[in-house]
């Protein structure tokens, strides 16, 4: 997932150009991927799911519930090996979550 984002970053295919990428966690939450611009005013958050079942709305809501920063521009990317339910696709469109499937990663 990080390689995909790095490639998109080089092609300027993301909402902003990031200068750092890695993982993030605190006492209650963990973010699989966090990328920030050099000013640290824009943040891309990524969640990676490699399960055999499609991602559902519950998974997306849990991801959005992770609080990282309140005064920053946040962009959400969700990666799934098994795809997404129809309800998850509709919810992601409503909330502005970019869904990435396995075929886009390879």
PDB file of N, CA and C in Angstrom:
ATOM      1  N   UNK A   1       0.827  -1.194   0.000  1.00  0.00           N
ATOM      2  CA  UNK A   1       0.000   0.000   0.000  1.00  0.00           C
ATOM      3  C   UNK A   1       0.873   1.260   0.000  1.00  0.00           C
ATOM      4  N   UNK A   2       1.955   1.217   0.774  1.00  0.00           N
ATOM      5  CA  UNK A   2       2.860   2.365   0.768  1.00  0.00           C
ATOM      6  C   UNK A   2       3.517   2.535  -0.606  1.00  0.00           C
ATOM      7  N   UNK A   3       3.865   1.431  -1.262  1.00  0.00           N
ATOM      8  CA  UNK A   3       4.458   1.525  -2.592  1.00  0.00           C
ATOM      9  C   UNK A   3       3.479   2.152  -3.576  1.00  0.00           C
ATOM     10  N   UNK A   4       2.222   1.761  -3.490  1.00  0.00           N
ATOM     11  CA  UNK A   4       1.185   2.355  -4.342  1.00  0.00           C
ATOM     12  C   UNK A   4       1.130   3.866  -4.128  1.00  0.00           C
ATOM     13  N   UNK A   5       1.127   4.288  -2.864  1.00  0.00           N
ATOM     14  CA  UNK A   5       1.051   5.718  -2.564  1.00  0.00           C
ATOM     15  C   UNK A   5       2.305   6.454  -3.022  1.00  0.00           C
ATOM     16  N   UNK A   6       3.454   5.840  -2.877  1.00  0.00           N
ATOM     17  CA  UNK A   6       4.696   6.473  -3.356  1.00  0.00           C
ATOM     18  C   UNK A   6       4.641   6.687  -4.870  1.00  0.00           C
ATOM     19  N   UNK A   7       4.147   5.672  -5.577  1.00  0.00           N
ATOM     20  CA  UNK A   7       4.032   5.783  -7.036  1.00  0.00           C
ATOM     21  C   UNK A   7       3.040   6.896  -7.404  1.00  0.00           C
ATOM     22  N   UNK A   8       1.915   6.935  -6.725  1.00  0.00           N
ATOM     23  CA  UNK A   8       0.926   7.986  -6.977  1.00  0.00           C
ATOM     24  C   UNK A   8       1.500   9.366  -6.638  1.00  0.00           C
ATOM     25  N   UNK A   9       2.304   9.435  -5.605  1.00  0.00           N
ATOM     26  CA  UNK A   9       2.924  10.690  -5.195  1.00  0.00           C
ATOM     27  C   UNK A   9       3.859  11.208  -6.302  1.00  0.00           C
ATOM     28  N   UNK A  10       4.666  10.301  -6.859  1.00  0.00           N
ATOM     29  CA  UNK A  10       5.579  10.686  -7.944  1.00  0.00           C
ATOM     30  C   UNK A  10       4.813  11.173  -9.170  1.00  0.00           C
ATOM     31  N   UNK A  11       3.657  10.563  -9.440  1.00  0.00           N
ATOM     32  CA  UNK A  11       2.847  10.940 -10.608  1.00  0.00           C
ATOM     33  C   UNK A  11       1.918  12.119 -10.309  1.00  0.00           C
ATOM     34  N   UNK A  12       2.010  12.663  -9.096  1.00  0.00           N
ATOM     35  CA  UNK A  12       1.132  13.741  -8.628  1.00  0.00           C
ATOM     36  C   UNK A  12      -0.337  13.324  -8.711  1.00  0.00           C
ATOM     37  N   UNK A  13      -0.594  12.072  -8.330  1.00  0.00           N
ATOM     38  CA  UNK A  13      -1.935  11.518  -8.367  1.00  0.00           C
ATOM     39  C   UNK A  13      -2.649  11.535  -7.033  1.00  0.00           C
ATOM     40  N   UNK A  14      -2.129  12.288  -6.076  1.00  0.00           N
ATOM     41  CA  UNK A  14      -2.731  12.385  -4.746  1.00  0.00           C
ATOM     42  C   UNK A  14      -3.192  13.815  -4.510  1.00  0.00           C
ATOM     43  N   UNK A  15      -3.996  14.053  -3.487  1.00  0.00           N
ATOM     44  CA  UNK A  15      -4.482  15.415  -3.210  1.00  0.00           C
ATOM     45  C   UNK A  15      -3.377  16.415  -2.869  1.00  0.00           C
ATOM     46  N   UNK A  16      -2.215  15.919  -2.438  1.00  0.00           N
ATOM     47  CA  UNK A  16      -1.069  16.774  -2.132  1.00  0.00           C
ATOM     48  C   UNK A  16       0.193  15.936  -2.275  1.00  0.00           C
ATOM     49  N   UNK A  17       1.343  16.601  -2.313  1.00  0.00           N
ATOM     50  CA  UNK A  17       2.621  15.909  -2.399  1.00  0.00           C
ATOM     51  C   UNK A  17       3.138  15.659  -0.985  1.00  0.00           C
ATOM     52  N   UNK A  18       3.311  14.392  -0.623  1.00  0.00           N
ATOM     53  CA  UNK A  18       3.806  14.113   0.723  1.00  0.00           C
ATOM     54  C   UNK A  18       5.319  13.997   0.740  1.00  0.00           C
ATOM     55  N   UNK A  19       5.897  14.337   1.890  1.00  0.00           N
ATOM     56  CA  UNK A  19       7.352  14.249   2.067  1.00  0.00           C
ATOM     57  C   UNK A  19       7.748  13.171   3.071  1.00  0.00           C
ATOM     58  N   UNK A  20       6.789  12.709   3.873  1.00  0.00           N
ATOM     59  CA  UNK A  20       7.044  11.630   4.839  1.00  0.00           C
ATOM     60  C   UNK A  20       5.885  10.647   4.797  1.00  0.00           C
ATOM     61  N   UNK A  21       6.230   9.371   4.955  1.00  0.00           N
ATOM     62  CA  UNK A  21       5.199   8.325   5.000  1.00  0.00           C
ATOM     63  C   UNK A  21       5.652   7.253   5.975  1.00  0.00           C
ATOM     64  N   UNK A  22       4.710   6.701   6.714  1.00  0.00           N
ATOM     65  CA  UNK A  22       5.013   5.652   7.682  1.00  0.00           C
ATOM     66  C   UNK A  22       3.756   5.221   8.406  1.00  0.00           C
ATOM     67  N   UNK A  23       3.919   4.707   9.617  1.00  0.00           N
ATOM     68  CA  UNK A  23       2.802   4.271  10.468  1.00  0.00           C
ATOM     69  C   UNK A  23       2.636   5.283  11.587  1.00  0.00           C
ATOM     70  N   UNK A  24       1.483   5.228  12.261  1.00  0.00           N
ATOM     71  CA  UNK A  24       1.233   6.124  13.388  1.00  0.00           C
ATOM     72  C   UNK A  24       0.384   5.376  14.410  1.00  0.00           C
ATOM     73  N   UNK A  25       0.650   5.625  15.689  1.00  0.00           N
ATOM     74  CA  UNK A  25      -0.174   5.036  16.746  1.00  0.00           C
ATOM     75  C   UNK A  25      -0.061   5.891  17.998  1.00  0.00           C
ATOM     76  N   UNK A  26      -1.087   5.733  18.840  1.00  0.00           N
ATOM     77  CA  UNK A  26      -1.051   6.290  20.194  1.00  0.00           C
ATOM     78  C   UNK A  26      -1.592   5.213  21.124  1.00  0.00           C
ATOM     79  N   UNK A  27      -2.045   5.585  22.308  1.00  0.00           N
ATOM     80  CA  UNK A  27      -2.502   4.571  23.275  1.00  0.00           C
ATOM     81  C   UNK A  27      -3.790   3.864  22.847  1.00  0.00           C
ATOM     82  N   UNK A  28      -4.595   4.499  22.000  1.00  0.00           N
ATOM     83  CA  UNK A  28      -5.889   3.911  21.657  1.00  0.00           C
ATOM     84  C   UNK A  28      -6.065   3.578  20.178  1.00  0.00           C
ATOM     85  N   UNK A  29      -5.317   4.215  19.287  1.00  0.00           N
ATOM     86  CA  UNK A  29      -5.516   4.022  17.849  1.00  0.00           C
ATOM     87  C   UNK A  29      -4.210   3.703  17.140  1.00  0.00           C
ATOM     88  N   UNK A  30      -4.355   3.027  16.003  1.00  0.00           N
ATOM     89  CA  UNK A  30      -3.223   2.738  15.137  1.00  0.00           C
ATOM     90  C   UNK A  30      -3.639   3.016  13.702  1.00  0.00           C
ATOM     91  N   UNK A  31      -2.785   3.710  12.969  1.00  0.00           N
ATOM     92  CA  UNK A  31      -3.023   4.008  11.562  1.00  0.00           C
ATOM     93  C   UNK A  31      -1.975   3.238  10.757  1.00  0.00           C
ATOM     94  N   UNK A  32      -2.431   2.427   9.798  1.00  0.00           N
ATOM     95  CA  UNK A  32      -1.501   1.622   9.001  1.00  0.00           C
ATOM     96  C   UNK A  32      -0.548   2.493   8.191  1.00  0.00           C
ATOM     97  N   UNK A  33      -1.081   3.559   7.595  1.00  0.00           N
ATOM     98  CA  UNK A  33      -0.256   4.461   6.782  1.00  0.00           C
ATOM     99  C   UNK A  33      -0.633   5.900   7.108  1.00  0.00           C
ATOM    100  N   UNK A  34       0.386   6.712   7.321  1.00  0.00           N
ATOM    101  CA  UNK A  34       0.183   8.144   7.485  1.00  0.00           C
ATOM    102  C   UNK A  34       1.236   8.845   6.638  1.00  0.00           C
ATOM    103  N   UNK A  35       0.784   9.746   5.775  1.00  0.00           N
ATOM    104  CA  UNK A  35       1.692  10.537   4.947  1.00  0.00           C
ATOM    105  C   UNK A  35       1.379  12.010   5.180  1.00  0.00           C
ATOM    106  N   UNK A  36       2.431  12.830   5.248  1.00  0.00           N
ATOM    107  CA  UNK A  36       2.241  14.255   5.518  1.00  0.00           C
ATOM    108  C   UNK A  36       3.059  15.089   4.535  1.00  0.00           C
ATOM    109  N   UNK A  37       2.588  16.319   4.306  1.00  0.00           N
ATOM    110  CA  UNK A  37       3.356  17.249   3.490  1.00  0.00           C
ATOM    111  C   UNK A  37       4.452  17.889   4.340  1.00  0.00           C
ATOM    112  N   UNK A  38       5.314  18.646   3.722  1.00  0.00           N
ATOM    113  CA  UNK A  38       6.463  19.183   4.468  1.00  0.00           C
ATOM    114  C   UNK A  38       6.055  20.172   5.546  1.00  0.00           C
ATOM    115  N   UNK A  39       4.911  20.807   5.427  1.00  0.00           N
ATOM    116  CA  UNK A  39       4.422  21.723   6.464  1.00  0.00           C
ATOM    117  C   UNK A  39       3.628  21.000   7.549  1.00  0.00           C
ATOM    118  N   UNK A  40       3.310  19.747   7.291  1.00  0.00           N
ATOM    119  CA  UNK A  40       2.478  18.928   8.175  1.00  0.00           C
ATOM    120  C   UNK A  40       1.098  19.553   8.406  1.00  0.00           C
ATOM    121  N   UNK A  41       0.550  20.129   7.346  1.00  0.00           N
ATOM    122  CA  UNK A  41      -0.800  20.682   7.403  1.00  0.00           C
ATOM    123  C   UNK A  41      -1.801  19.797   6.670  1.00  0.00           C
ATOM    124  N   UNK A  42      -1.283  18.885   5.838  1.00  0.00           N
ATOM    125  CA  UNK A  42      -2.128  17.949   5.109  1.00  0.00           C
ATOM    126  C   UNK A  42      -1.682  16.534   5.450  1.00  0.00           C
ATOM    127  N   UNK A  43      -2.656  15.691   5.735  1.00  0.00           N
ATOM    128  CA  UNK A  43      -2.352  14.329   6.171  1.00  0.00           C
ATOM    129  C   UNK A  43      -3.193  13.331   5.388  1.00  0.00           C
ATOM    130  N   UNK A  44      -2.541  12.303   4.883  1.00  0.00           N
ATOM    131  CA  UNK A  44      -3.216  11.193   4.238  1.00  0.00           C
ATOM    132  C   UNK A  44      -3.180  10.022   5.215  1.00  0.00           C
ATOM    133  N   UNK A  45      -4.342   9.454   5.485  1.00  0.00           N
ATOM    134  CA  UNK A  45      -4.459   8.300   6.380  1.00  0.00           C
ATOM    135  C   UNK A  45      -4.878   7.094   5.562  1.00  0.00           C
ATOM    136  N   UNK A  46      -4.185   5.981   5.760  1.00  0.00           N
ATOM    137  CA  UNK A  46      -4.497   4.773   5.015  1.00  0.00           C
ATOM    138  C   UNK A  46      -4.739   3.583   5.928  1.00  0.00           C
ATOM    139  N   UNK A  47      -5.717   2.793   5.560  1.00  0.00           N
ATOM    140  CA  UNK A  47      -6.047   1.556   6.284  1.00  0.00           C
ATOM    141  C   UNK A  47      -5.926   0.405   5.294  1.00  0.00           C
ATOM    142  N   UNK A  48      -5.243  -0.668   5.701  1.00  0.00           N
ATOM    143  CA  UNK A  48      -5.014  -1.819   4.833  1.00  0.00           C
ATOM    144  C   UNK A  48      -5.705  -3.053   5.410  1.00  0.00           C
ATOM    145  N   UNK A  49      -6.600  -3.658   4.632  1.00  0.00           N
ATOM    146  CA  UNK A  49      -7.309  -4.871   5.063  1.00  0.00           C
ATOM    147  C   UNK A  49      -7.028  -5.991   4.079  1.00  0.00           C
ATOM    148  N   UNK A  50      -6.449  -7.066   4.583  1.00  0.00           N
ATOM    149  CA  UNK A  50      -6.137  -8.222   3.754  1.00  0.00           C
ATOM    150  C   UNK A  50      -6.920  -9.433   4.240  1.00  0.00           C
ATOM    151  N   UNK A  51      -8.224  -9.254   4.331  1.00  0.00           N
ATOM    152  CA  UNK A  51      -9.109 -10.335   4.754  1.00  0.00           C
ATOM    153  C   UNK A  51      -9.786 -10.939   3.525  1.00  0.00           C
ATOM    154  N   UNK A  52     -10.418 -12.092   3.721  1.00  0.00           N
ATOM    155  CA  UNK A  52     -11.095 -12.775   2.622  1.00  0.00           C
ATOM    156  C   UNK A  52     -12.542 -12.327   2.460  1.00  0.00           C
ATOM    157  N   UNK A  53     -12.956 -11.342   3.246  1.00  0.00           N
ATOM    158  CA  UNK A  53     -14.323 -10.831   3.107  1.00  0.00           C
ATOM    159  C   UNK A  53     -14.265  -9.358   2.682  1.00  0.00           C
ATOM    160  N   UNK A  54     -15.234  -8.938   1.902  1.00  0.00           N
ATOM    161  CA  UNK A  54     -15.249  -7.534   1.476  1.00  0.00           C
ATOM    162  C   UNK A  54     -15.387  -6.583   2.668  1.00  0.00           C
ATOM    163  N   UNK A  55     -14.797  -5.426   2.542  1.00  0.00           N
ATOM    164  CA  UNK A  55     -14.900  -4.381   3.557  1.00  0.00           C
ATOM    165  C   UNK A  55     -16.333  -3.867   3.570  1.00  0.00           C
ATOM    166  N   UNK A  56     -16.880  -3.664   4.777  1.00  0.00           N
ATOM    167  CA  UNK A  56     -18.238  -3.144   4.893  1.00  0.00           C
ATOM    168  C   UNK A  56     -18.226  -1.762   5.554  1.00  0.00           C
ATOM    169  N   UNK A  57     -19.407  -1.197   5.705  1.00  0.00           N
ATOM    170  CA  UNK A  57     -19.553   0.150   6.268  1.00  0.00           C
ATOM    171  C   UNK A  57     -18.981   0.212   7.679  1.00  0.00           C
ATOM    172  N   UNK A  58     -19.161  -0.840   8.453  1.00  0.00           N
ATOM    173  CA  UNK A  58     -18.631  -0.873   9.822  1.00  0.00           C
ATOM    174  C   UNK A  58     -17.115  -0.636   9.825  1.00  0.00           C
ATOM    175  N   UNK A  59     -16.402  -1.273   8.892  1.00  0.00           N
ATOM    176  CA  UNK A  59     -14.950  -1.090   8.791  1.00  0.00           C
ATOM    177  C   UNK A  59     -14.601   0.368   8.478  1.00  0.00           C
ATOM    178  N   UNK A  60     -15.345   0.971   7.560  1.00  0.00           N
ATOM    179  CA  UNK A  60     -15.080   2.357   7.178  1.00  0.00           C
ATOM    180  C   UNK A  60     -15.377   3.327   8.319  1.00  0.00           C
ATOM    181  N   UNK A  61     -16.470   3.077   9.029  1.00  0.00           N
ATOM    182  CA  UNK A  61     -16.813   3.943  10.167  1.00  0.00           C
ATOM    183  C   UNK A  61     -15.754   3.847  11.261  1.00  0.00           C
ATOM    184  N   UNK A  62     -15.259   2.648  11.503  1.00  0.00           N
ATOM    185  CA  UNK A  62     -14.201   2.463  12.498  1.00  0.00           C
ATOM    186  C   UNK A  62     -12.950   3.255  12.099  1.00  0.00           C
ATOM    187  N   UNK A  63     -12.606   3.206  10.817  1.00  0.00           N
ATOM    188  CA  UNK A  63     -11.451   3.933  10.298  1.00  0.00           C
ATOM    189  C   UNK A  63     -11.630   5.445  10.477  1.00  0.00           C
ATOM    190  N   UNK A  64     -12.798   5.959  10.127  1.00  0.00           N
ATOM    191  CA  UNK A  64     -13.050   7.397  10.278  1.00  0.00           C
ATOM    192  C   UNK A  64     -13.075   7.829  11.741  1.00  0.00           C
ATOM    193  N   UNK A  65     -13.343   6.913  12.637  1.00  0.00           N
ATOM    194  CA  UNK A  65     -13.412   7.231  14.059  1.00  0.00           C
ATOM    195  C   UNK A  65     -12.062   7.429  14.718  1.00  0.00           C
ATOM    196  N   UNK A  66     -10.993   7.091  14.015  1.00  0.00           N
ATOM    197  CA  UNK A  66      -9.655   7.270  14.577  1.00  0.00           C
ATOM    198  C   UNK A  66      -9.281   8.747  14.486  1.00  0.00           C
ATOM    199  N   UNK A  67      -8.988   9.330  15.613  1.00  0.00           N
ATOM    200  CA  UNK A  67      -8.688  10.766  15.664  1.00  0.00           C
ATOM    201  C   UNK A  67      -7.183  10.984  15.700  1.00  0.00           C
ATOM    202  N   UNK A  68      -6.701  11.706  14.718  1.00  0.00           N
ATOM    203  CA  UNK A  68      -5.275  11.977  14.613  1.00  0.00           C
ATOM    204  C   UNK A  68      -5.004  13.455  14.824  1.00  0.00           C
ATOM    205  N   UNK A  69      -5.672  14.294  14.062  1.00  0.00           N
ATOM    206  CA  UNK A  69      -5.457  15.744  14.142  1.00  0.00           C
ATOM    207  C   UNK A  69      -6.748  16.442  13.748  1.00  0.00           C
ATOM    208  N   UNK A  70      -7.068  17.494  14.451  1.00  0.00           N
ATOM    209  CA  UNK A  70      -8.320  18.187  14.173  1.00  0.00           C
ATOM    210  C   UNK A  70      -8.136  19.443  13.335  1.00  0.00           C
ATOM    211  N   UNK A  71      -6.954  20.018  13.349  1.00  0.00           N
ATOM    212  CA  UNK A  71      -6.741  21.274  12.635  1.00  0.00           C
ATOM    213  C   UNK A  71      -5.965  21.075  11.335  1.00  0.00           C
ATOM    214  N   UNK A  72      -6.029  19.886  10.759  1.00  0.00           N
ATOM    215  CA  UNK A  72      -5.305  19.547   9.531  1.00  0.00           C
ATOM    216  C   UNK A  72      -6.299  19.136   8.452  1.00  0.00           C
ATOM    217  N   UNK A  73      -5.859  19.201   7.201  1.00  0.00           N
ATOM    218  CA  UNK A  73      -6.648  18.660   6.096  1.00  0.00           C
ATOM    219  C   UNK A  73      -6.380  17.162   6.031  1.00  0.00           C
ATOM    220  N   UNK A  74      -7.436  16.359   6.176  1.00  0.00           N
ATOM    221  CA  UNK A  74      -7.294  14.904   6.215  1.00  0.00           C
ATOM    222  C   UNK A  74      -7.856  14.274   4.945  1.00  0.00           C
ATOM    223  N   UNK A  75      -7.146  13.299   4.432  1.00  0.00           N
ATOM    224  CA  UNK A  75      -7.564  12.532   3.262  1.00  0.00           C
ATOM    225  C   UNK A  75      -7.494  11.059   3.635  1.00  0.00           C
ATOM    226  N   UNK A  76      -8.549  10.323   3.319  1.00  0.00           N
ATOM    227  CA  UNK A  76      -8.661   8.928   3.736  1.00  0.00           C
ATOM    228  C   UNK A  76      -8.560   7.985   2.541  1.00  0.00           C
ATOM    229  N   UNK A  77      -7.684   6.985   2.668  1.00  0.00           N
ATOM    230  CA  UNK A  77      -7.522   5.938   1.654  1.00  0.00           C
ATOM    231  C   UNK A  77      -7.697   4.590   2.338  1.00  0.00           C
ATOM    232  N   UNK A  78      -8.496   3.722   1.717  1.00  0.00           N
ATOM    233  CA  UNK A  78      -8.758   2.403   2.271  1.00  0.00           C
ATOM    234  C   UNK A  78      -8.360   1.360   1.236  1.00  0.00           C
ATOM    235  N   UNK A  79      -7.533   0.413   1.627  1.00  0.00           N
ATOM    236  CA  UNK A  79      -7.036  -0.643   0.748  1.00  0.00           C
ATOM    237  C   UNK A  79      -7.653  -1.971   1.173  1.00  0.00           C
ATOM    238  N   UNK A  80      -8.163  -2.744   0.191  1.00  0.00           N
ATOM    239  CA  UNK A  80      -8.801  -4.018   0.520  1.00  0.00           C
ATOM    240  C   UNK A  80      -8.435  -5.090  -0.491  1.00  0.00           C
ATOM    241  N   UNK A  81      -8.050  -6.235   0.023  1.00  0.00           N
ATOM    242  CA  UNK A  81      -7.742  -7.404  -0.808  1.00  0.00           C
ATOM    243  C   UNK A  81      -9.023  -7.972  -1.426  1.00  0.00           C
ATOM    244  N   UNK A  82     -10.108  -7.995  -0.670  1.00  0.00           N
ATOM    245  CA  UNK A  82     -11.327  -8.680  -1.095  1.00  0.00           C
ATOM    246  C   UNK A  82     -12.410  -7.733  -1.634  1.00  0.00           C
ATOM    247  N   UNK A  83     -12.107  -6.478  -1.813  1.00  0.00           N
ATOM    248  CA  UNK A  83     -13.084  -5.550  -2.356  1.00  0.00           C
ATOM    249  C   UNK A  83     -13.976  -4.940  -1.282  1.00  0.00           C
ATOM    250  N   UNK A  84     -15.127  -4.432  -1.724  1.00  0.00           N
ATOM    251  CA  UNK A  84     -16.017  -3.656  -0.857  1.00  0.00           C
ATOM    252  C   UNK A  84     -17.465  -4.033  -1.121  1.00  0.00           C
ATOM    253  N   UNK A  85     -18.285  -3.966  -0.088  1.00  0.00           N
ATOM    254  CA  UNK A  85     -19.714  -4.173  -0.279  1.00  0.00           C
ATOM    255  C   UNK A  85     -20.293  -2.951  -0.995  1.00  0.00           C
ATOM    256  N   UNK A  86     -21.463  -3.100  -1.584  1.00  0.00           N
ATOM    257  CA  UNK A  86     -22.115  -1.972  -2.259  1.00  0.00           C
ATOM    258  C   UNK A  86     -22.387  -0.833  -1.286  1.00  0.00           C
ATOM    259  N   UNK A  87     -22.785  -1.184  -0.073  1.00  0.00           N
ATOM    260  CA  UNK A  87     -23.048  -0.170   0.941  1.00  0.00           C
ATOM    261  C   UNK A  87     -21.771   0.581   1.307  1.00  0.00           C
ATOM    262  N   UNK A  88     -20.651  -0.120   1.364  1.00  0.00           N
ATOM    263  CA  UNK A  88     -19.367   0.515   1.686  1.00  0.00           C
ATOM    264  C   UNK A  88     -18.956   1.478   0.577  1.00  0.00           C
ATOM    265  N   UNK A  89     -19.183   1.100  -0.664  1.00  0.00           N
ATOM    266  CA  UNK A  89     -18.851   1.974  -1.794  1.00  0.00           C
ATOM    267  C   UNK A  89     -19.677   3.258  -1.722  1.00  0.00           C
ATOM    268  N   UNK A  90     -20.958   3.129  -1.428  1.00  0.00           N
ATOM    269  CA  UNK A  90     -21.830   4.305  -1.314  1.00  0.00           C
ATOM    270  C   UNK A  90     -21.406   5.179  -0.139  1.00  0.00           C
ATOM    271  N   UNK A  91     -21.110   4.574   0.983  1.00  0.00           N
ATOM    272  CA  UNK A  91     -20.693   5.326   2.169  1.00  0.00           C
ATOM    273  C   UNK A  91     -19.367   6.047   1.914  1.00  0.00           C
ATOM    274  N   UNK A  92     -18.430   5.370   1.266  1.00  0.00           N
ATOM    275  CA  UNK A  92     -17.124   5.981   0.964  1.00  0.00           C
ATOM    276  C   UNK A  92     -17.290   7.187   0.046  1.00  0.00           C
ATOM    277  N   UNK A  93     -18.166   7.079  -0.938  1.00  0.00           N
ATOM    278  CA  UNK A  93     -18.410   8.206  -1.841  1.00  0.00           C
ATOM    279  C   UNK A  93     -18.993   9.388  -1.073  1.00  0.00           C
ATOM    280  N   UNK A  94     -19.888   9.106  -0.157  1.00  0.00           N
ATOM    281  CA  UNK A  94     -20.517  10.148   0.663  1.00  0.00           C
ATOM    282  C   UNK A  94     -19.506  10.838   1.578  1.00  0.00           C
ATOM    283  N   UNK A  95     -18.571  10.078   2.133  1.00  0.00           N
ATOM    284  CA  UNK A  95     -17.610  10.599   3.108  1.00  0.00           C
ATOM    285  C   UNK A  95     -16.267  11.018   2.497  1.00  0.00           C
ATOM    286  N   UNK A  96     -16.078  10.787   1.207  1.00  0.00           N
ATOM    287  CA  UNK A  96     -14.832  11.186   0.559  1.00  0.00           C
ATOM    288  C   UNK A  96     -13.655  10.267   0.824  1.00  0.00           C
ATOM    289  N   UNK A  97     -13.931   8.987   1.022  1.00  0.00           N
ATOM    290  CA  UNK A  97     -12.872   7.999   1.245  1.00  0.00           C
ATOM    291  C   UNK A  97     -12.505   7.392  -0.108  1.00  0.00           C
ATOM    292  N   UNK A  98     -11.228   7.392  -0.429  1.00  0.00           N
ATOM    293  CA  UNK A  98     -10.755   6.769  -1.664  1.00  0.00           C
ATOM    294  C   UNK A  98     -10.577   5.279  -1.403  1.00  0.00           C
ATOM    295  N   UNK A  99     -11.275   4.450  -2.177  1.00  0.00           N
ATOM    296  CA  UNK A  99     -11.179   3.000  -2.045  1.00  0.00           C
ATOM    297  C   UNK A  99     -10.218   2.463  -3.089  1.00  0.00           C
ATOM    298  N   UNK A 100      -9.269   1.650  -2.649  1.00  0.00           N
ATOM    299  CA  UNK A 100      -8.284   1.050  -3.550  1.00  0.00           C
ATOM    300  C   UNK A 100      -8.418  -0.456  -3.429  1.00  0.00           C
ATOM    301  N   UNK A 101      -8.573  -1.116  -4.563  1.00  0.00           N
ATOM    302  CA  UNK A 101      -8.721  -2.579  -4.557  1.00  0.00           C
ATOM    303  C   UNK A 101      -7.397  -3.246  -4.936  1.00  0.00           C
ATOM    304  N   UNK A 102      -7.352  -4.542  -4.773  1.00  0.00           N
ATOM    305  CA  UNK A 102      -6.132  -5.303  -5.015  1.00  0.00           C
ATOM    306  C   UNK A 102      -5.636  -5.150  -6.447  1.00  0.00           C
ATOM    307  N   UNK A 103      -6.533  -5.161  -7.427  1.00  0.00           N
ATOM    308  CA  UNK A 103      -6.099  -5.052  -8.814  1.00  0.00           C
ATOM    309  C   UNK A 103      -5.442  -3.704  -9.128  1.00  0.00           C
ATOM    310  N   UNK A 104      -5.746  -2.660  -8.370  1.00  0.00           N
ATOM    311  CA  UNK A 104      -5.088  -1.376  -8.558  1.00  0.00           C
ATOM    312  C   UNK A 104      -3.688  -1.376  -7.969  1.00  0.00           C
ATOM    313  N   UNK A 105      -3.446  -2.242  -6.985  1.00  0.00           N
ATOM    314  CA  UNK A 105      -2.132  -2.294  -6.336  1.00  0.00           C
ATOM    315  C   UNK A 105      -1.082  -3.013  -7.164  1.00  0.00           C
ATOM    316  N   UNK A 106      -1.524  -3.945  -8.006  1.00  0.00           N
ATOM    317  CA  UNK A 106      -0.559  -4.729  -8.783  1.00  0.00           C
ATOM    318  C   UNK A 106      -0.492  -4.296 -10.217  1.00  0.00           C
TER     319      UNK A 106
END
